[in-house]
C-alpha atoms as a PDB file:
ATOM      1  CA  MET A   1     174.050 107.954  80.297  1.00  0.00           C
ATOM      2  CA  SER A   2     171.842 105.103  81.478  1.00  0.00           C
ATOM      3  CA  ARG A   3     168.939 104.027  79.247  1.00  0.00           C
ATOM      4  CA  ASP A   4     165.670 102.680  80.560  1.00  0.00           C
ATOM      5  CA  PHE A   5     164.412  99.601  78.739  1.00  0.00           C
ATOM      6  CA  VAL A   6     160.749  98.638  78.496  1.00  0.00           C
ATOM      7  CA  ILE A   7     161.544  95.148  77.177  1.00  0.00           C
ATOM      8  CA  ASP A   8     164.647  93.122  78.028  1.00  0.00           C
ATOM      9  CA  VAL A   9     164.850  89.571  76.613  1.00  0.00           C
ATOM     10  CA  ASN A  10     167.856  87.289  77.180  1.00  0.00           C
ATOM     11  CA  GLY A  11     168.502  83.795  75.823  1.00  0.00           C
ATOM     12  CA  LEU A  12     164.957  83.066  74.653  1.00  0.00           C
ATOM     13  CA  THR A  13     164.614  79.633  72.991  1.00  0.00           C
ATOM     14  CA  LYS A  14     161.650  77.567  71.755  1.00  0.00           C
ATOM     15  CA  HIS A  15     161.661  73.988  70.442  1.00  0.00           C
ATOM     16  CA  TYR A  16     158.752  72.180  68.813  1.00  0.00           C
ATOM     17  CA  GLY A  17     160.008  68.604  69.040  1.00  0.00           C
ATOM     18  CA  ALA A  18     163.236  68.474  67.010  1.00  0.00           C
ATOM     19  CA  VAL A  19     162.525  71.853  65.356  1.00  0.00           C
ATOM     20  CA  GLU A  20     164.244  74.850  66.942  1.00  0.00           C
ATOM     21  CA  ALA A  21     161.842  77.715  66.175  1.00  0.00           C
ATOM     22  CA  VAL A  22     163.728  80.384  68.155  1.00  0.00           C
ATOM     23  CA  LYS A  23     167.369  79.954  69.177  1.00  0.00           C
ATOM     24  CA  ASN A  24     168.900  81.967  72.002  1.00  0.00           C
ATOM     25  CA  ILE A  25     167.471  85.371  71.024  1.00  0.00           C
ATOM     26  CA  SER A  26     168.318  88.452  73.098  1.00  0.00           C
ATOM     27  CA  PHE A  27     167.271  92.070  72.631  1.00  0.00           C
ATOM     28  CA  LYS A  28     166.328  95.252  74.479  1.00  0.00           C
ATOM     29  CA  VAL A  29     163.806  97.929  73.583  1.00  0.00           C
ATOM     30  CA  ALA A  30     164.494 101.386  74.979  1.00  0.00           C
ATOM     31  CA  ALA A  31     161.728 103.500  76.471  1.00  0.00           C
ATOM     32  CA  GLY A  32     160.318 105.952  73.935  1.00  0.00           C
ATOM     33  CA  SER A  33     161.806 104.176  70.928  1.00  0.00           C
ATOM     34  CA  ILE A  34     159.997 102.984  67.829  1.00  0.00           C
ATOM     35  CA  THR A  35     161.172  99.444  67.123  1.00  0.00           C
ATOM     36  CA  GLY A  36     160.522  97.076  64.215  1.00  0.00           C
ATOM     37  CA  PHE A  37     160.758  93.302  64.386  1.00  0.00           C
ATOM     38  CA  LEU A  38     161.855  92.085  60.950  1.00  0.00           C
ATOM     39  CA  GLY A  39     162.760  88.694  59.501  1.00  0.00           C
ATOM     40  CA  ARG A  40     161.999  86.283  56.696  1.00  0.00           C
ATOM     41  CA  ASN A  41     159.038  83.899  56.781  1.00  0.00           C
ATOM     42  CA  GLY A  42     159.592  81.214  59.400  1.00  0.00           C
ATOM     43  CA  ALA A  43     162.243  83.217  61.271  1.00  0.00           C
ATOM     44  CA  GLY A  44     160.388  83.025  64.605  1.00  0.00           C
ATOM     45  CA  LYS A  45     158.861  86.517  64.850  1.00  0.00           C
ATOM     46  CA  SER A  46     155.385  85.298  65.812  1.00  0.00           C
ATOM     47  CA  THR A  47     156.761  82.638  68.156  1.00  0.00           C
ATOM     48  CA  THR A  48     158.913  85.247  69.934  1.00  0.00           C
ATOM     49  CA  THR A  49     155.960  87.624  70.281  1.00  0.00           C
ATOM     50  CA  LYS A  50     153.710  84.839  71.633  1.00  0.00           C
ATOM     51  CA  MET A  51     156.337  83.928  74.231  1.00  0.00           C
ATOM     52  CA  GLN A  52     156.613  87.571  75.305  1.00  0.00           C
ATOM     53  CA  LEU A  53     152.840  87.768  75.724  1.00  0.00           C
ATOM     54  CA  GLY A  54     152.677  84.514  77.699  1.00  0.00           C
ATOM     55  CA  MET A  55     150.620  82.721  75.037  1.00  0.00           C
ATOM     56  CA  ILE A  56     153.207  79.910  74.753  1.00  0.00           C
ATOM     57  CA  ALA A  57     155.976  78.865  77.129  1.00  0.00           C
ATOM     58  CA  PRO A  58     159.614  79.131  76.088  1.00  0.00           C
ATOM     59  CA  THR A  59     161.793  76.020  76.187  1.00  0.00           C
ATOM     60  CA  ALA A  60     164.621  78.005  77.790  1.00  0.00           C
ATOM     61  CA  ASP A  61     165.039  81.620  78.815  1.00  0.00           C
ATOM     62  CA  GLN A  62     166.296  84.087  81.315  1.00  0.00           C
ATOM     63  CA  PRO A  63     163.492  86.038  82.985  1.00  0.00           C
ATOM     64  CA  MET A  64     162.007  88.667  80.632  1.00  0.00           C
ATOM     65  CA  SER A  65     161.669  92.191  81.975  1.00  0.00           C
ATOM     66  CA  TRP A  66     158.753  94.497  81.186  1.00  0.00           C
ATOM     67  CA  ALA A  67     158.559  98.067  82.426  1.00  0.00           C
END
C-alpha cells in the first residue's frame, strides 16, 4: 500500500559559522497523521521548522516536498 506524504525532507543541514545546528535530517509526514517534533533544548527543532517555512535558507538539502 502506497502512502501519501504531505512533508518529505531529505538531507537537511544548517550551519551557523562553525556550528552545525541541523545535520543531515530526513523525515516524512504521512497525510492524515498527527506528528510531534520532539528533542532537547538546542536540538534544532526551531531551525528545522524555519527552514521548512522558508524563513531561513538551509546550508545543504535535497528539495523539500509539500503536498
